[in-house]
Amino acid sequence: MAKPNFYDSVMEGLTGEIEKISDSLSDEFKGSAPFNKVRVPKKKLLEAYLNLDSVEKQAFMSRYGQEALVFFGELDAEVFKEVNNGRSSLG
């Protein structure tokens, strides 16, 4: 009786897992174009952020949680850099 090929059995298991993950991602992004995004210029993004009031920020945080907090922190850092570099044309 021949020994089972260890490499083939490992590859079969990995391939099965990759297919499951691929199917899951496919279902998650069905009907959308996740890589076809429009880039917003940094100045426009920062101006929009500065125009958000506390209610709007709270709405983002309640919907996106920690991700919103991290993003707001990054935007705050960008605003700080722009202002301290003396080249700010932000409103």
N, C-alpha and C. Protein backbone atom coordinates (compact mmCIF):
# COMPACT_ATOMS: atom_id res chain seq x y z
N MET A 1 0.84 -1.17 0.00
CA MET A 1 0.00 0.00 0.00
C MET A 1 0.90 1.25 0.00
N ALA A 2 0.56 2.22 -0.85
CA ALA A 2 1.37 3.43 -0.98
C ALA A 2 1.06 4.39 0.15
N LYS A 3 2.10 5.10 0.56
CA LYS A 3 1.94 6.13 1.59
C LYS A 3 1.19 7.31 0.99
N PRO A 4 0.32 7.95 1.76
CA PRO A 4 -0.33 9.16 1.25
C PRO A 4 0.71 10.27 1.09
N ASN A 5 0.58 11.05 0.04
CA ASN A 5 1.51 12.14 -0.24
C ASN A 5 1.14 13.33 0.66
N PHE A 6 2.03 13.66 1.59
CA PHE A 6 1.80 14.74 2.55
C PHE A 6 1.60 16.07 1.84
N TYR A 7 2.42 16.37 0.86
CA TYR A 7 2.34 17.63 0.12
C TYR A 7 0.97 17.79 -0.53
N ASP A 8 0.50 16.73 -1.19
CA ASP A 8 -0.80 16.80 -1.87
C ASP A 8 -1.94 17.03 -0.88
N SER A 9 -1.88 16.38 0.28
CA SER A 9 -2.96 16.55 1.25
C SER A 9 -2.95 17.96 1.85
N VAL A 10 -1.76 18.53 2.07
CA VAL A 10 -1.67 19.90 2.59
C VAL A 10 -2.18 20.89 1.55
N MET A 11 -1.77 20.72 0.30
CA MET A 11 -2.21 21.62 -0.77
C MET A 11 -3.72 21.55 -0.96
N GLU A 12 -4.28 20.36 -0.85
CA GLU A 12 -5.72 20.19 -0.98
C GLU A 12 -6.45 20.96 0.13
N GLY A 13 -5.93 20.86 1.35
CA GLY A 13 -6.53 21.59 2.47
C GLY A 13 -6.43 23.09 2.31
N LEU A 14 -5.26 23.56 1.89
CA LEU A 14 -5.07 25.01 1.69
C LEU A 14 -5.94 25.54 0.56
N THR A 15 -6.01 24.79 -0.52
CA THR A 15 -6.83 25.20 -1.65
C THR A 15 -8.30 25.32 -1.24
N GLY A 16 -8.75 24.38 -0.43
CA GLY A 16 -10.14 24.43 0.07
C GLY A 16 -10.39 25.67 0.90
N GLU A 17 -9.44 26.01 1.78
CA GLU A 17 -9.59 27.21 2.62
C GLU A 17 -9.59 28.48 1.77
N ILE A 18 -8.71 28.54 0.79
CA ILE A 18 -8.64 29.72 -0.09
C ILE A 18 -9.94 29.88 -0.86
N GLU A 19 -10.52 28.78 -1.31
CA GLU A 19 -11.80 28.85 -2.02
C GLU A 19 -12.91 29.37 -1.12
N LYS A 20 -12.93 28.93 0.15
CA LYS A 20 -13.93 29.41 1.10
C LYS A 20 -13.80 30.92 1.30
N ILE A 21 -12.57 31.39 1.49
CA ILE A 21 -12.33 32.81 1.70
C ILE A 21 -12.73 33.61 0.46
N SER A 22 -12.35 33.10 -0.70
CA SER A 22 -12.69 33.76 -1.96
C SER A 22 -14.20 33.87 -2.14
N ASP A 23 -14.92 32.79 -1.83
CA ASP A 23 -16.38 32.82 -1.94
C ASP A 23 -16.99 33.83 -0.97
N SER A 24 -16.43 33.89 0.24
CA SER A 24 -16.92 34.83 1.25
C SER A 24 -16.71 36.28 0.78
N LEU A 25 -15.52 36.57 0.26
CA LEU A 25 -15.25 37.93 -0.24
C LEU A 25 -16.14 38.27 -1.43
N SER A 26 -16.34 37.30 -2.29
CA SER A 26 -17.19 37.51 -3.45
C SER A 26 -18.60 37.87 -3.03
N ASP A 27 -19.13 37.16 -2.03
CA ASP A 27 -20.47 37.46 -1.53
C ASP A 27 -20.53 38.84 -0.88
N GLU A 28 -19.48 39.19 -0.15
CA GLU A 28 -19.45 40.47 0.57
C GLU A 28 -19.47 41.66 -0.39
N PHE A 29 -18.79 41.54 -1.52
CA PHE A 29 -18.69 42.66 -2.45
C PHE A 29 -19.59 42.52 -3.67
N LYS A 30 -20.54 41.61 -3.62
CA LYS A 30 -21.44 41.40 -4.75
C LYS A 30 -22.22 42.69 -5.04
N GLY A 31 -22.26 43.07 -6.28
CA GLY A 31 -23.01 44.26 -6.67
C GLY A 31 -22.28 45.57 -6.46
N SER A 32 -21.00 45.51 -6.07
CA SER A 32 -20.24 46.74 -5.88
C SER A 32 -18.93 46.64 -6.65
N ALA A 33 -18.28 47.75 -6.77
CA ALA A 33 -16.98 47.79 -7.45
C ALA A 33 -15.97 48.33 -6.44
N PRO A 34 -15.46 47.47 -5.54
CA PRO A 34 -14.62 47.97 -4.45
C PRO A 34 -13.31 48.60 -4.88
N PHE A 35 -12.83 48.28 -6.08
CA PHE A 35 -11.55 48.84 -6.51
C PHE A 35 -11.74 49.97 -7.50
N ASN A 36 -12.96 50.34 -7.76
CA ASN A 36 -13.26 51.40 -8.71
C ASN A 36 -13.71 52.63 -7.94
N LYS A 37 -12.84 53.15 -7.10
CA LYS A 37 -13.17 54.27 -6.23
C LYS A 37 -12.58 55.56 -6.78
N VAL A 38 -13.27 56.65 -6.54
CA VAL A 38 -12.81 57.97 -6.95
C VAL A 38 -11.98 58.55 -5.81
N ARG A 39 -10.80 59.03 -6.11
CA ARG A 39 -9.95 59.64 -5.08
C ARG A 39 -10.37 61.09 -4.89
N VAL A 40 -10.53 61.45 -3.64
CA VAL A 40 -10.88 62.82 -3.29
C VAL A 40 -9.59 63.57 -2.98
N PRO A 41 -9.40 64.75 -3.58
CA PRO A 41 -8.19 65.52 -3.27
C PRO A 41 -8.11 65.82 -1.78
N LYS A 42 -6.89 65.81 -1.24
CA LYS A 42 -6.68 65.99 0.19
C LYS A 42 -7.30 67.29 0.70
N LYS A 43 -7.15 68.37 -0.04
CA LYS A 43 -7.69 69.66 0.40
C LYS A 43 -9.21 69.60 0.56
N LYS A 44 -9.88 68.95 -0.42
CA LYS A 44 -11.34 68.83 -0.35
C LYS A 44 -11.77 67.97 0.84
N LEU A 45 -11.04 66.89 1.08
CA LEU A 45 -11.34 66.01 2.19
C LEU A 45 -11.19 66.73 3.52
N LEU A 46 -10.10 67.47 3.66
CA LEU A 46 -9.87 68.19 4.92
C LEU A 46 -10.91 69.28 5.13
N GLU A 47 -11.28 69.97 4.06
CA GLU A 47 -12.31 71.01 4.19
C GLU A 47 -13.65 70.41 4.58
N ALA A 48 -14.00 69.27 3.99
CA ALA A 48 -15.26 68.61 4.35
C ALA A 48 -15.23 68.17 5.80
N TYR A 49 -14.08 67.67 6.24
CA TYR A 49 -13.94 67.24 7.63
C TYR A 49 -14.11 68.42 8.58
N LEU A 50 -13.48 69.54 8.26
CA LEU A 50 -13.57 70.72 9.12
C LEU A 50 -14.99 71.27 9.18
N ASN A 51 -15.79 71.00 8.16
CA ASN A 51 -17.17 71.50 8.13
C ASN A 51 -18.17 70.57 8.83
N LEU A 52 -17.72 69.40 9.27
CA LEU A 52 -18.61 68.50 10.00
C LEU A 52 -18.90 69.08 11.38
N ASP A 53 -20.16 69.03 11.79
CA ASP A 53 -20.46 69.44 13.16
C ASP A 53 -20.42 68.21 14.07
N SER A 54 -20.59 68.43 15.36
CA SER A 54 -20.45 67.34 16.32
C SER A 54 -21.50 66.25 16.12
N VAL A 55 -22.70 66.63 15.68
CA VAL A 55 -23.75 65.63 15.44
C VAL A 55 -23.36 64.72 14.27
N GLU A 56 -22.82 65.31 13.22
CA GLU A 56 -22.40 64.52 12.06
C GLU A 56 -21.24 63.60 12.42
N LYS A 57 -20.28 64.11 13.19
CA LYS A 57 -19.16 63.27 13.63
C LYS A 57 -19.66 62.11 14.49
N GLN A 58 -20.61 62.41 15.36
CA GLN A 58 -21.17 61.36 16.22
C GLN A 58 -21.88 60.30 15.38
N ALA A 59 -22.57 60.73 14.33
CA ALA A 59 -23.25 59.77 13.45
C ALA A 59 -22.24 58.85 12.78
N PHE A 60 -21.13 59.41 12.32
CA PHE A 60 -20.07 58.58 11.73
C PHE A 60 -19.53 57.58 12.76
N MET A 61 -19.29 58.07 13.96
CA MET A 61 -18.72 57.20 15.00
C MET A 61 -19.68 56.08 15.39
N SER A 62 -20.97 56.40 15.45
CA SER A 62 -21.92 55.35 15.82
C SER A 62 -22.05 54.32 14.70
N ARG A 63 -21.87 54.75 13.46
CA ARG A 63 -21.97 53.80 12.35
C ARG A 63 -20.69 53.00 12.14
N TYR A 64 -19.53 53.67 12.21
CA TYR A 64 -18.27 53.01 11.87
C TYR A 64 -17.37 52.71 13.07
N GLY A 65 -17.75 53.17 14.25
CA GLY A 65 -17.02 52.83 15.46
C GLY A 65 -15.56 53.27 15.46
N GLN A 66 -14.70 52.35 15.86
CA GLN A 66 -13.27 52.61 16.01
C GLN A 66 -12.64 53.08 14.70
N GLU A 67 -13.13 52.57 13.59
CA GLU A 67 -12.58 52.97 12.29
C GLU A 67 -12.76 54.47 12.06
N ALA A 68 -13.90 55.02 12.47
CA ALA A 68 -14.14 56.46 12.33
C ALA A 68 -13.21 57.25 13.23
N LEU A 69 -13.01 56.77 14.44
CA LEU A 69 -12.11 57.47 15.37
C LEU A 69 -10.69 57.52 14.83
N VAL A 70 -10.23 56.42 14.27
CA VAL A 70 -8.88 56.38 13.71
C VAL A 70 -8.78 57.34 12.52
N PHE A 71 -9.80 57.31 11.66
CA PHE A 71 -9.81 58.18 10.48
C PHE A 71 -9.84 59.65 10.89
N PHE A 72 -10.67 59.99 11.87
CA PHE A 72 -10.73 61.37 12.35
C PHE A 72 -9.38 61.79 12.95
N GLY A 73 -8.73 60.88 13.64
CA GLY A 73 -7.41 61.18 14.19
C GLY A 73 -6.40 61.48 13.10
N GLU A 74 -6.46 60.70 12.02
CA GLU A 74 -5.56 60.94 10.89
C GLU A 74 -5.85 62.30 10.24
N LEU A 75 -7.13 62.63 10.11
CA LEU A 75 -7.50 63.92 9.53
C LEU A 75 -7.08 65.07 10.44
N ASP A 76 -7.25 64.90 11.74
CA ASP A 76 -6.79 65.93 12.69
C ASP A 76 -5.29 66.17 12.55
N ALA A 77 -4.53 65.09 12.40
CA ALA A 77 -3.08 65.20 12.24
C ALA A 77 -2.74 65.94 10.95
N GLU A 78 -3.47 65.66 9.88
CA GLU A 78 -3.24 66.35 8.60
C GLU A 78 -3.55 67.83 8.72
N VAL A 79 -4.66 68.17 9.38
CA VAL A 79 -5.03 69.58 9.57
C VAL A 79 -3.95 70.27 10.38
N PHE A 80 -3.48 69.62 11.44
CA PHE A 80 -2.42 70.18 12.29
C PHE A 80 -1.16 70.45 11.47
N LYS A 81 -0.79 69.49 10.61
CA LYS A 81 0.40 69.68 9.76
C LYS A 81 0.23 70.86 8.81
N GLU A 82 -0.95 70.92 8.19
CA GLU A 82 -1.20 72.00 7.23
C GLU A 82 -1.12 73.37 7.91
N VAL A 83 -1.72 73.48 9.08
CA VAL A 83 -1.74 74.76 9.80
C VAL A 83 -0.34 75.12 10.27
N ASN A 84 0.41 74.17 10.82
CA ASN A 84 1.72 74.45 11.37
C ASN A 84 2.80 74.63 10.30
N ASN A 85 2.55 74.17 9.10
CA ASN A 85 3.51 74.39 8.02
C ASN A 85 3.31 75.76 7.38
N GLY A 86 2.27 76.47 7.79
CA GLY A 86 2.05 77.82 7.30
C GLY A 86 1.55 77.89 5.88
N ARG A 87 1.18 76.77 5.32
CA ARG A 87 0.69 76.79 3.93
C ARG A 87 -0.77 76.42 3.86
N SER A 88 -1.46 76.60 4.96
CA SER A 88 -2.86 76.20 5.02
C SER A 88 -3.73 77.18 4.26
N SER A 89 -4.54 76.62 3.40
CA SER A 89 -5.57 77.42 2.73
C SER A 89 -6.93 76.85 3.12
N LEU A 90 -6.92 76.13 4.26
CA LEU A 90 -8.16 75.51 4.73
C LEU A 90 -9.02 76.56 5.40
N GLY A 91 -10.34 76.37 5.25
CA GLY A 91 -11.29 77.31 5.80
C GLY A 91 -11.53 77.16 7.20
